[in-house]
Amino acid sequence: MLRIPYIHFTEEQKQRASSVDLVEFLRQQGEKLLPSGREKRLGSDHSITVSGNRWYDHSAQQGGGAISFVQKFYGVGYAEAVTRLLGGEQGETYQPVKQQAREPPMPSQPFVLPDANPDMRRAFAYLTKKRLIGSKVVNAFAEAGLLYESCEKFNNMEQHNAVFVGRDEHGIARHAHKRGLGDQPFKRNVIGSDARCSFHHIGTSRRLYVFEAPIDLMSFVTLYQKDWQKHSYVALCGTSEHAMLWMLEQNPKLQRIALCLDHDAAGIAAVGRLREILHDKGYRDIAVGLPGSKDWNSELFACCNLSAEPGEDHPQMLAAPSICERIAGLAEKANARFAAQQIPLLLKGYERDLQYGRFDQAMERMESAAAFALVAALRERRQLLEPVAEAEVAAFLQGEVWPNHNQHALKGRSDELMAELQRVMANAAAPGIRTKPEKEAIADAWLHLAASCTKTVVKYETDLQEQQQIETEVMTLC
């Protein structure tokens, strides 16, 4: 039987492929892209939109990341998709072992810091002049051994990079992120880097600030330099949660987390996902600090009265405020005692309305279900002596409505929500005197259910707006 070779890609290669900007990738492939709100629509298939490293097929109601896009759009396998996204860079090829002669897997490539340049003149000039990062901030990280300039030779040419070093709990370098200092943008993690130990600073306070990139971290510190070293900061070098969780595990005192990711669709979706991960691990003091501009370095430019790339709100986050206002109004008239009886009836009616194409009625039922769940959450908060002011109810709900996990089809959601309701009711009906943490968990569960119902309406309204925009664009092209 023919054995197909196995192509191995390192975690660093997979991460780079996954983070490729699809808009730029498609342009390099010669694909025509059409403006579609804050996203781009494929000229060859108007049902597909791309934004950052994410894509969505509105006709099939499915989407994903950069690798799955190349697999679907170009009809290739995983290895070929990764290779294309890496510009031809290939993984290591292994022949499959025979069943009777298994051998241990080959060790992964060890982590080695890039060779240092004798000075960091170029890196210092790049960070302070081109990126406007404060010289004191640059010096502080350099003196801590977390920042230096590398010099590597490729084809007899010197390549200089700023290297942002991440160290483990023993002070040993385990991660490095390189940023090119030339005219061509270049950034990547050094092969063999441990994603948990990326660029970070540990202070003495309880506050941890989380960023996507080291330059964003340093830009934020430049903007808020007063006593900055007493707080903790970490750059994810992407949007993965590993470095953030490692910081929290190594430093139990860190209980107040501020998610300061990029102000774009991908960053906002990542914030929602990270909040969910933190919530599941028991963290409750979670703040969101998106910059007004595209990212924190752009925000630094804006604060210096220089041209800066504006932030891009996720379409679902734009639709959410008005929807939450409507549901908050309905909650004023709803009675929490009837939530367990009314929500199942509303969900069944929602499914029936979808079946017969009565979409507006279906959404009205879902808003009512959200209102009953919301008023139940508010009741639990009052019993905990943590009431929410009437004027803040909509914002209270909106704080839980994030676009992560809100891309799948509207059909079938009633089953998911019904199962979620049953879990809430089972916990609420448990016998015995409940502790405060248990009461807080019930309040959170009702609020999560309200948010899940609300997100269904948000998804419908944003899809409707996008469809209307497509029709307008098609009419214009005709």
Protein backbone atom coordinates (compact mmCIF):
# COMPACT_ATOMS: atom_id res chain seq x y z
CA MET A 1 0.00 0.00 0.00
CA LEU A 2 1.30 3.46 -0.90
CA ARG A 3 2.43 5.46 2.13
CA ILE A 4 1.96 9.21 1.89
CA PRO A 5 4.81 11.24 3.44
CA TYR A 6 3.91 13.25 6.54
CA ILE A 7 4.89 16.92 6.40
CA HIS A 8 5.64 18.38 9.82
CA PHE A 9 5.25 22.10 10.49
CA THR A 10 6.50 23.62 13.73
CA GLU A 11 4.08 25.41 16.04
CA GLU A 12 5.78 28.67 15.07
CA GLN A 13 5.17 27.98 11.37
CA LYS A 14 1.51 27.09 12.02
CA GLN A 15 1.05 30.27 14.05
CA ARG A 16 2.56 32.42 11.31
CA ALA A 17 0.38 30.78 8.67
CA SER A 18 -2.73 31.25 10.81
CA SER A 19 -1.99 34.94 11.36
CA VAL A 20 -1.49 35.89 7.69
CA ASP A 21 -3.57 38.89 6.59
CA LEU A 22 -5.94 37.37 4.01
CA VAL A 23 -6.63 40.73 2.38
CA GLU A 24 -2.95 41.22 1.55
CA PHE A 25 -2.51 37.55 0.66
CA LEU A 26 -5.36 37.65 -1.85
CA ARG A 27 -4.11 40.86 -3.39
CA GLN A 28 -0.73 39.23 -3.96
CA GLN A 29 -2.55 36.34 -5.64
CA GLY A 30 -4.19 38.80 -8.03
CA GLU A 31 -7.67 38.39 -6.57
CA LYS A 32 -10.08 41.31 -6.95
CA LEU A 33 -11.47 42.55 -3.63
CA LEU A 34 -14.52 44.75 -3.18
CA PRO A 35 -15.19 47.03 -0.20
CA SER A 36 -17.89 45.69 2.11
CA GLY A 37 -18.23 47.85 5.16
CA ARG A 38 -15.19 47.19 7.29
CA GLU A 39 -14.41 43.96 5.46
CA LYS A 40 -13.46 42.99 1.90
CA ARG A 41 -15.60 40.86 -0.38
CA LEU A 42 -14.17 38.54 -3.04
CA GLY A 43 -14.87 39.76 -6.54
CA SER A 44 -15.06 36.16 -7.77
CA ASP A 45 -17.50 35.09 -5.01
CA HIS A 46 -19.54 37.87 -3.41
CA SER A 47 -20.73 35.59 -0.61
CA ILE A 48 -17.23 35.40 0.92
CA THR A 49 -15.81 38.23 3.03
CA VAL A 50 -12.36 38.50 4.61
CA SER A 51 -11.04 40.67 7.43
CA GLY A 52 -7.58 40.28 8.91
CA ASN A 53 -6.89 36.56 9.14
CA ARG A 54 -10.58 35.59 9.23
CA TRP A 55 -13.06 34.69 6.47
CA TYR A 56 -16.78 33.98 6.32
CA ASP A 57 -18.97 32.41 3.62
CA HIS A 58 -22.41 34.00 4.06
CA SER A 59 -24.16 31.56 1.73
CA ALA A 60 -22.83 28.48 3.54
CA GLN A 61 -22.86 30.24 6.94
CA GLN A 62 -19.39 29.03 7.83
CA GLY A 63 -15.98 30.58 8.22
CA GLY A 64 -12.62 30.27 9.91
CA GLY A 65 -8.98 31.27 9.79
CA ALA A 66 -6.38 31.74 7.10
CA ILE A 67 -5.42 28.08 6.72
CA SER A 68 -8.98 26.80 6.32
CA PHE A 69 -9.65 29.59 3.81
CA VAL A 70 -6.80 28.51 1.50
CA GLN A 71 -7.90 24.89 1.84
CA LYS A 72 -11.48 25.72 0.86
CA PHE A 73 -10.91 28.44 -1.73
CA TYR A 74 -8.01 26.78 -3.58
CA GLY A 75 -9.04 23.19 -2.96
CA VAL A 76 -5.74 22.08 -1.42
CA GLY A 77 -4.72 20.04 1.60
CA TYR A 78 -3.49 21.33 4.94
CA ALA A 79 0.24 21.11 4.13
CA GLU A 80 -0.13 22.90 0.80
CA ALA A 81 -2.28 25.61 2.44
CA VAL A 82 0.34 26.29 5.11
CA THR A 83 3.12 26.32 2.52
CA ARG A 84 1.27 28.87 0.37
CA LEU A 85 0.59 31.15 3.34
CA LEU A 86 4.27 30.99 4.30
CA GLY A 87 5.29 32.11 0.82
CA GLY A 88 6.66 28.72 -0.24
CA GLU A 89 8.35 27.85 3.04
CA GLN A 90 7.91 24.15 3.63
CA GLY A 91 7.86 21.93 6.66
CA GLU A 92 9.99 18.86 7.25
CA THR A 93 8.92 15.73 5.39
CA TYR A 94 8.85 12.39 7.19
CA GLN A 95 8.07 8.98 5.73
CA PRO A 96 5.44 7.13 7.78
CA VAL A 97 6.90 4.41 9.98
CA LYS A 98 6.03 0.79 9.37
CA GLN A 99 3.68 -0.77 11.86
CA GLN A 100 6.32 -3.28 13.02
CA ALA A 101 9.16 -0.78 13.44
CA ARG A 102 8.02 2.32 15.29
CA GLU A 103 10.71 4.83 16.14
CA PRO A 104 10.57 7.70 18.65
CA PRO A 105 9.58 11.06 17.12
CA MET A 106 12.38 13.40 16.16
CA PRO A 107 12.99 16.17 18.71
CA SER A 108 11.76 19.63 17.81
CA GLN A 109 14.30 22.27 16.84
CA PRO A 110 15.84 23.86 19.96
CA PHE A 111 15.31 27.53 20.77
CA VAL A 112 18.33 29.75 20.17
CA LEU A 113 18.42 33.54 20.52
CA PRO A 114 19.51 35.36 17.33
CA ASP A 115 23.07 36.69 17.33
CA ALA A 116 23.30 40.12 18.93
CA ASN A 117 24.69 43.18 17.16
CA PRO A 118 27.46 45.00 19.08
CA ASP A 119 25.10 47.93 19.59
CA MET A 120 21.38 48.62 19.22
CA ARG A 121 21.64 51.94 17.42
CA ARG A 122 19.31 50.90 14.59
CA ALA A 123 16.75 49.32 16.92
CA PHE A 124 16.76 52.34 19.23
CA ALA A 125 16.25 54.73 16.28
CA TYR A 126 13.46 52.56 14.82
CA LEU A 127 11.55 52.31 18.09
CA THR A 128 11.93 55.95 19.17
CA LYS A 129 11.81 57.73 15.79
CA LYS A 130 9.58 55.54 13.61
CA ARG A 131 7.40 54.11 16.39
CA LEU A 132 7.56 57.11 18.78
CA ILE A 133 8.18 54.89 21.81
CA GLY A 134 9.72 56.79 24.74
CA SER A 135 13.49 56.48 25.05
CA LYS A 136 13.19 55.75 28.78
CA VAL A 137 10.83 52.87 28.01
CA VAL A 138 13.20 51.43 25.39
CA ASN A 139 16.16 51.73 27.75
CA ALA A 140 14.25 50.09 30.60
CA PHE A 141 13.48 46.95 28.58
CA ALA A 142 16.99 46.87 27.08
CA GLU A 143 18.61 47.12 30.52
CA ALA A 144 16.37 44.30 31.75
CA GLY A 145 17.75 42.07 28.98
CA LEU A 146 14.37 41.88 27.25
CA LEU A 147 15.25 43.91 24.14
CA TYR A 148 18.28 44.01 21.86
CA GLU A 149 19.28 44.32 18.20
CA SER A 150 20.23 41.22 16.24
CA CYS A 151 22.42 40.95 13.16
CA GLU A 152 22.03 37.92 10.94
CA LYS A 153 23.41 37.23 7.47
CA PHE A 154 21.28 35.95 4.59
CA ASN A 155 22.79 35.60 1.12
CA ASN A 156 25.78 37.71 2.24
CA MET A 157 23.39 40.47 3.32
CA GLU A 158 23.04 41.68 6.91
CA GLN A 159 19.56 41.63 8.38
CA HIS A 160 19.03 43.74 11.51
CA ASN A 161 16.02 43.14 13.76
CA ALA A 162 14.70 44.35 17.08
CA VAL A 163 14.43 41.25 19.25
CA PHE A 164 11.88 41.14 22.09
CA VAL A 165 12.88 38.44 24.56
CA GLY A 166 10.59 36.42 26.82
CA ARG A 167 12.09 34.70 29.88
CA ASP A 168 10.72 31.93 32.09
CA GLU A 169 10.31 32.02 35.87
CA HIS A 170 14.05 31.31 36.27
CA GLY A 171 15.12 34.17 34.01
CA ILE A 172 16.10 31.87 31.13
CA ALA A 173 15.23 33.09 27.63
CA ARG A 174 12.51 30.85 26.14
CA HIS A 175 10.89 33.09 23.53
CA ALA A 176 11.96 35.76 21.05
CA HIS A 177 9.93 37.90 18.66
CA LYS A 178 11.80 39.57 15.80
CA ARG A 179 10.74 42.85 14.18
CA GLY A 180 12.53 43.94 11.02
CA LEU A 181 14.20 47.35 11.02
CA GLY A 182 14.23 47.82 7.24
CA ASP A 183 11.64 49.33 4.93
CA GLN A 184 9.90 45.98 4.37
CA PRO A 185 7.63 44.96 7.30
CA PHE A 186 8.90 41.78 8.91
CA LYS A 187 7.85 40.12 12.15
CA ARG A 188 7.92 36.58 13.41
CA ASN A 189 8.69 34.45 16.43
CA VAL A 190 12.04 32.65 16.56
CA ILE A 191 11.71 28.93 15.82
CA GLY A 192 11.49 26.88 18.99
CA SER A 193 9.97 29.69 21.05
CA ASP A 194 7.78 28.68 23.99
CA ALA A 195 4.49 30.52 23.40
CA ARG A 196 3.88 30.73 27.15
CA CYS A 197 6.98 32.81 27.87
CA SER A 198 6.60 35.70 25.43
CA PHE A 199 7.75 39.30 26.01
CA HIS A 200 6.54 40.53 29.41
CA HIS A 201 7.22 42.57 32.54
CA ILE A 202 6.21 41.58 36.08
CA GLY A 203 5.42 44.29 38.61
CA THR A 204 4.16 44.36 42.17
CA SER A 205 0.50 45.37 41.74
CA ARG A 206 -2.49 43.10 41.06
CA ARG A 207 -3.02 44.46 37.53
CA LEU A 208 -2.04 42.62 34.31
CA TYR A 209 -2.27 44.37 30.93
CA VAL A 210 -2.53 42.09 27.88
CA PHE A 211 -1.49 43.13 24.33
CA GLU A 212 -1.13 41.53 20.93
CA ALA A 213 2.40 42.74 20.10
CA PRO A 214 5.49 43.95 21.99
CA ILE A 215 5.38 47.33 20.24
CA ASP A 216 1.77 47.80 21.36
CA LEU A 217 2.85 47.02 24.93
CA MET A 218 5.68 49.55 24.80
CA SER A 219 3.44 52.15 23.13
CA PHE A 220 0.91 51.80 25.96
CA VAL A 221 3.65 52.20 28.57
CA THR A 222 4.85 55.32 26.72
CA LEU A 223 1.36 56.78 26.96
CA TYR A 224 1.00 55.89 30.65
CA GLN A 225 4.54 56.11 32.01
CA LYS A 226 3.79 57.17 35.58
CA ASP A 227 4.68 54.30 37.91
CA TRP A 228 4.32 51.89 35.01
CA GLN A 229 6.84 49.38 36.38
CA LYS A 230 4.64 48.49 39.34
CA HIS A 231 2.12 46.83 37.00
CA SER A 232 2.52 43.66 34.88
CA TYR A 233 2.34 43.48 31.08
CA VAL A 234 2.43 40.69 28.52
CA ALA A 235 2.49 40.61 24.70
CA LEU A 236 0.78 37.54 23.26
CA CYS A 237 2.64 37.89 19.93
CA GLY A 238 -0.72 37.10 18.37
CA THR A 239 -4.03 36.42 20.08
CA SER A 240 -3.36 33.05 21.70
CA GLU A 241 -4.08 32.85 25.43
CA HIS A 242 -1.00 30.82 26.44
CA ALA A 243 1.27 33.67 27.58
CA MET A 244 -1.53 35.36 29.52
CA LEU A 245 -2.43 32.16 31.36
CA TRP A 246 1.22 31.41 32.13
CA MET A 247 1.62 34.88 33.66
CA LEU A 248 -1.43 34.30 35.86
CA GLU A 249 -0.27 30.84 36.91
CA GLN A 250 3.20 32.10 37.83
CA ASN A 251 1.89 35.18 39.64
CA PRO A 252 -1.27 34.39 41.67
CA LYS A 253 -1.39 37.99 42.91
CA LEU A 254 -2.51 39.08 39.44
CA GLN A 255 -6.29 39.23 39.72
CA ARG A 256 -7.19 42.35 37.74
CA ILE A 257 -6.81 41.79 34.00
CA ALA A 258 -7.09 44.44 31.28
CA LEU A 259 -7.43 43.11 27.71
CA CYS A 260 -5.81 45.75 25.48
CA LEU A 261 -5.88 44.07 22.08
CA ASP A 262 -6.19 45.72 18.66
CA HIS A 263 -9.30 47.70 17.77
CA ASP A 264 -10.34 45.63 14.75
CA ALA A 265 -12.70 42.75 14.06
CA ALA A 266 -10.08 40.08 14.83
CA GLY A 267 -8.94 41.80 18.02
CA ILE A 268 -12.49 42.29 19.28
CA ALA A 269 -13.37 38.65 18.61
CA ALA A 270 -10.19 37.61 20.44
CA VAL A 271 -11.13 39.77 23.43
CA GLY A 272 -14.43 37.93 23.71
CA ARG A 273 -12.67 34.57 23.55
CA LEU A 274 -10.05 35.56 26.16
CA ARG A 275 -12.76 36.91 28.50
CA GLU A 276 -14.53 33.58 28.26
CA ILE A 277 -11.34 31.66 29.05
CA LEU A 278 -10.59 33.89 32.04
CA HIS A 279 -14.17 33.63 33.30
CA ASP A 280 -14.03 29.83 33.12
CA LYS A 281 -10.87 29.91 35.24
CA GLY A 282 -12.57 31.96 37.95
CA TYR A 283 -11.35 35.48 37.14
CA ARG A 284 -14.02 38.14 37.57
CA ASP A 285 -12.17 41.48 37.47
CA ILE A 286 -11.72 41.68 33.70
CA ALA A 287 -11.59 45.04 31.92
CA VAL A 288 -11.46 45.75 28.18
CA GLY A 289 -9.20 48.57 27.06
CA LEU A 290 -9.33 48.92 23.29
CA PRO A 291 -7.46 51.89 21.80
CA GLY A 292 -9.38 54.52 19.87
CA SER A 293 -7.09 53.88 16.89
CA LYS A 294 -6.27 50.61 15.13
CA ASP A 295 -3.72 49.53 17.77
CA TRP A 296 -1.77 51.07 20.63
CA ASN A 297 1.08 52.26 18.43
CA SER A 298 -1.45 54.04 16.20
CA GLU A 299 -2.98 55.49 19.36
CA LEU A 300 0.45 56.83 20.31
CA PHE A 301 0.68 58.55 16.91
CA ALA A 302 -2.82 60.00 17.35
CA CYS A 303 -1.89 61.39 20.78
CA CYS A 304 1.09 63.10 19.14
CA ASN A 305 -1.33 64.72 16.63
CA LEU A 306 0.04 62.62 13.78
CA SER A 307 -1.83 60.60 11.17
CA ALA A 308 -3.02 57.29 12.63
CA GLU A 309 -4.94 54.31 11.30
CA PRO A 310 -8.46 54.44 12.80
CA GLY A 311 -9.99 51.63 14.78
CA GLU A 312 -12.46 49.28 13.13
CA ASP A 313 -15.40 48.07 15.17
CA HIS A 314 -16.75 44.59 14.66
CA PRO A 315 -20.12 44.80 12.83
CA GLN A 316 -21.78 42.81 15.61
CA MET A 317 -20.48 45.22 18.25
CA LEU A 318 -22.00 48.11 16.30
CA ALA A 319 -25.40 46.42 16.24
CA ALA A 320 -25.35 45.27 19.87
CA PRO A 321 -26.07 48.57 21.77
CA SER A 322 -29.49 49.25 20.24
CA ILE A 323 -30.51 45.59 20.60
CA CYS A 324 -29.45 45.54 24.26
CA GLU A 325 -31.45 48.72 24.83
CA ARG A 326 -34.56 47.04 23.44
CA ILE A 327 -34.07 43.95 25.59
CA ALA A 328 -33.44 46.07 28.70
CA GLY A 329 -36.79 47.78 28.02
CA LEU A 330 -38.52 44.40 27.77
CA ALA A 331 -36.85 43.27 31.02
CA GLU A 332 -38.58 46.12 32.88
CA LYS A 333 -41.92 44.40 32.19
CA ALA A 334 -40.75 40.77 32.59
CA ASN A 335 -41.16 38.77 35.78
CA ALA A 336 -38.16 36.64 36.80
CA ARG A 337 -40.46 34.04 38.42
CA PHE A 338 -41.80 33.03 35.01
CA ALA A 339 -38.43 32.74 33.23
CA ALA A 340 -38.26 28.93 33.51
CA GLN A 341 -41.77 28.57 32.02
CA GLN A 342 -41.65 31.29 29.36
CA ILE A 343 -38.18 30.80 27.86
CA PRO A 344 -38.86 27.21 26.60
CA LEU A 345 -42.11 28.35 24.97
CA LEU A 346 -40.35 31.28 23.33
CA LEU A 347 -37.52 29.08 22.03
CA LYS A 348 -39.96 26.59 20.52
CA GLY A 349 -41.84 29.44 18.89
CA TYR A 350 -38.55 30.82 17.57
CA GLU A 351 -37.69 27.52 15.88
CA ARG A 352 -41.19 27.26 14.38
CA ASP A 353 -41.05 30.82 13.04
CA LEU A 354 -37.68 30.17 11.38
CA GLN A 355 -39.11 27.06 9.74
CA TYR A 356 -41.87 29.10 8.11
CA GLY A 357 -39.66 32.07 7.26
CA ARG A 358 -41.16 34.43 9.86
CA PHE A 359 -37.77 35.89 10.78
CA ASP A 360 -38.99 39.11 12.40
CA GLN A 361 -41.32 37.19 14.70
CA ALA A 362 -38.54 34.73 15.51
CA MET A 363 -36.27 37.57 16.59
CA GLU A 364 -39.01 39.13 18.71
CA ARG A 365 -39.36 35.83 20.57
CA MET A 366 -35.59 35.63 21.06
CA GLU A 367 -35.50 39.18 22.45
CA SER A 368 -38.25 38.25 24.91
CA ALA A 369 -36.31 35.13 25.97
CA ALA A 370 -33.24 37.31 26.52
CA ALA A 371 -35.31 39.71 28.62
CA PHE A 372 -36.59 36.93 30.92
CA ALA A 373 -33.04 35.59 31.40
CA LEU A 374 -31.76 39.11 32.01
CA VAL A 375 -34.36 39.92 34.66
CA ALA A 376 -33.53 36.60 36.39
CA ALA A 377 -29.86 37.62 36.47
CA LEU A 378 -30.78 41.03 37.88
CA ARG A 379 -32.85 39.36 40.62
CA GLU A 380 -29.90 37.22 41.66
CA ARG A 381 -27.67 40.31 41.74
CA ARG A 382 -30.12 42.08 44.04
CA GLN A 383 -30.13 39.10 46.39
CA LEU A 384 -26.34 39.30 46.46
CA LEU A 385 -26.69 42.99 47.43
CA GLU A 386 -25.00 43.90 44.14
CA PRO A 387 -27.89 45.52 42.25
CA VAL A 388 -27.52 47.01 38.78
CA ALA A 389 -28.90 50.53 38.37
CA GLU A 390 -31.82 50.81 35.96
CA ALA A 391 -29.85 53.14 33.67
CA GLU A 392 -27.01 50.60 33.46
CA VAL A 393 -29.02 47.47 32.58
CA ALA A 394 -28.39 47.70 28.83
CA ALA A 395 -24.66 48.23 29.37
CA PHE A 396 -24.67 45.33 31.87
CA LEU A 397 -26.00 43.02 29.15
CA GLN A 398 -23.84 44.48 26.40
CA GLY A 399 -20.74 43.75 28.48
CA GLU A 400 -21.40 40.04 27.89
CA VAL A 401 -22.25 40.23 24.18
CA TRP A 402 -19.09 39.51 22.17
CA PRO A 403 -18.90 38.12 18.62
CA ASN A 404 -16.73 35.08 19.40
CA HIS A 405 -18.64 31.84 18.81
CA ASN A 406 -21.39 33.80 17.06
CA GLN A 407 -20.87 32.80 13.45
CA HIS A 408 -22.82 29.57 13.06
CA ALA A 409 -26.30 29.33 11.61
CA LEU A 410 -29.41 30.58 13.42
CA LYS A 411 -31.17 27.23 13.05
CA GLY A 412 -30.60 24.83 15.89
CA ARG A 413 -29.79 27.53 18.41
CA SER A 414 -32.96 26.89 20.37
CA ASP A 415 -31.68 23.41 21.30
CA GLU A 416 -28.40 24.88 22.56
CA LEU A 417 -30.21 27.56 24.53
CA MET A 418 -32.68 25.05 25.98
CA ALA A 419 -29.77 22.94 27.24
CA GLU A 420 -28.20 26.06 28.73
CA LEU A 421 -31.49 26.92 30.47
CA GLN A 422 -31.75 23.42 31.93
CA ARG A 423 -28.25 23.73 33.40
CA VAL A 424 -29.13 27.07 34.99
CA MET A 425 -32.36 25.71 36.45
CA ALA A 426 -30.65 22.58 37.78
CA ASN A 427 -28.13 24.70 39.68
CA ALA A 428 -30.80 27.10 40.93
CA ALA A 429 -33.02 24.25 42.18
CA ALA A 430 -30.24 22.42 44.04
CA PRO A 431 -31.25 21.82 47.70
CA GLY A 432 -29.49 23.38 50.68
CA ILE A 433 -28.15 26.82 51.53
CA ARG A 434 -25.97 28.18 48.75
CA THR A 435 -22.69 29.98 49.35
CA LYS A 436 -21.98 33.38 47.88
CA PRO A 437 -19.78 31.94 45.08
CA GLU A 438 -22.59 29.53 44.18
CA LYS A 439 -25.09 32.41 44.06
CA GLU A 440 -22.68 34.41 41.91
CA ALA A 441 -22.37 31.42 39.56
CA ILE A 442 -26.17 31.27 39.15
CA ALA A 443 -26.34 35.01 38.45
CA ASP A 444 -23.55 34.65 35.88
CA ALA A 445 -25.31 31.69 34.26
CA TRP A 446 -28.57 33.64 33.83
CA LEU A 447 -26.62 36.56 32.37
CA HIS A 448 -24.74 34.23 30.01
CA LEU A 449 -28.06 32.80 28.81
CA ALA A 450 -29.38 36.32 28.24
CA ALA A 451 -26.26 37.13 26.25
CA SER A 452 -26.59 33.95 24.17
CA CYS A 453 -30.15 34.88 23.24
CA THR A 454 -29.09 38.45 22.48
CA LYS A 455 -26.24 37.31 20.22
CA THR A 456 -28.75 35.41 18.09
CA VAL A 457 -30.55 38.68 17.35
CA VAL A 458 -27.26 40.49 16.79
CA LYS A 459 -26.18 37.83 14.29
CA TYR A 460 -29.45 38.10 12.39
CA GLU A 461 -29.38 41.90 12.16
CA THR A 462 -25.73 42.09 11.06
CA ASP A 463 -26.28 39.36 8.44
CA LEU A 464 -29.31 41.28 7.18
CA GLN A 465 -27.31 44.50 6.92
CA GLU A 466 -24.49 42.72 5.06
CA GLN A 467 -26.95 41.13 2.65
CA GLN A 468 -28.53 44.49 1.93
CA GLN A 469 -25.08 45.96 1.33
CA ILE A 470 -24.24 43.14 -1.08
CA GLU A 471 -27.41 43.77 -3.04
CA THR A 472 -26.61 47.49 -3.20
CA GLU A 473 -23.06 46.76 -4.45
CA VAL A 474 -24.33 44.30 -7.06
CA MET A 475 -26.85 46.88 -8.28
CA THR A 476 -24.06 49.47 -8.50
CA LEU A 477 -21.82 47.12 -10.51
CA CYS A 478 -24.69 46.40 -12.89
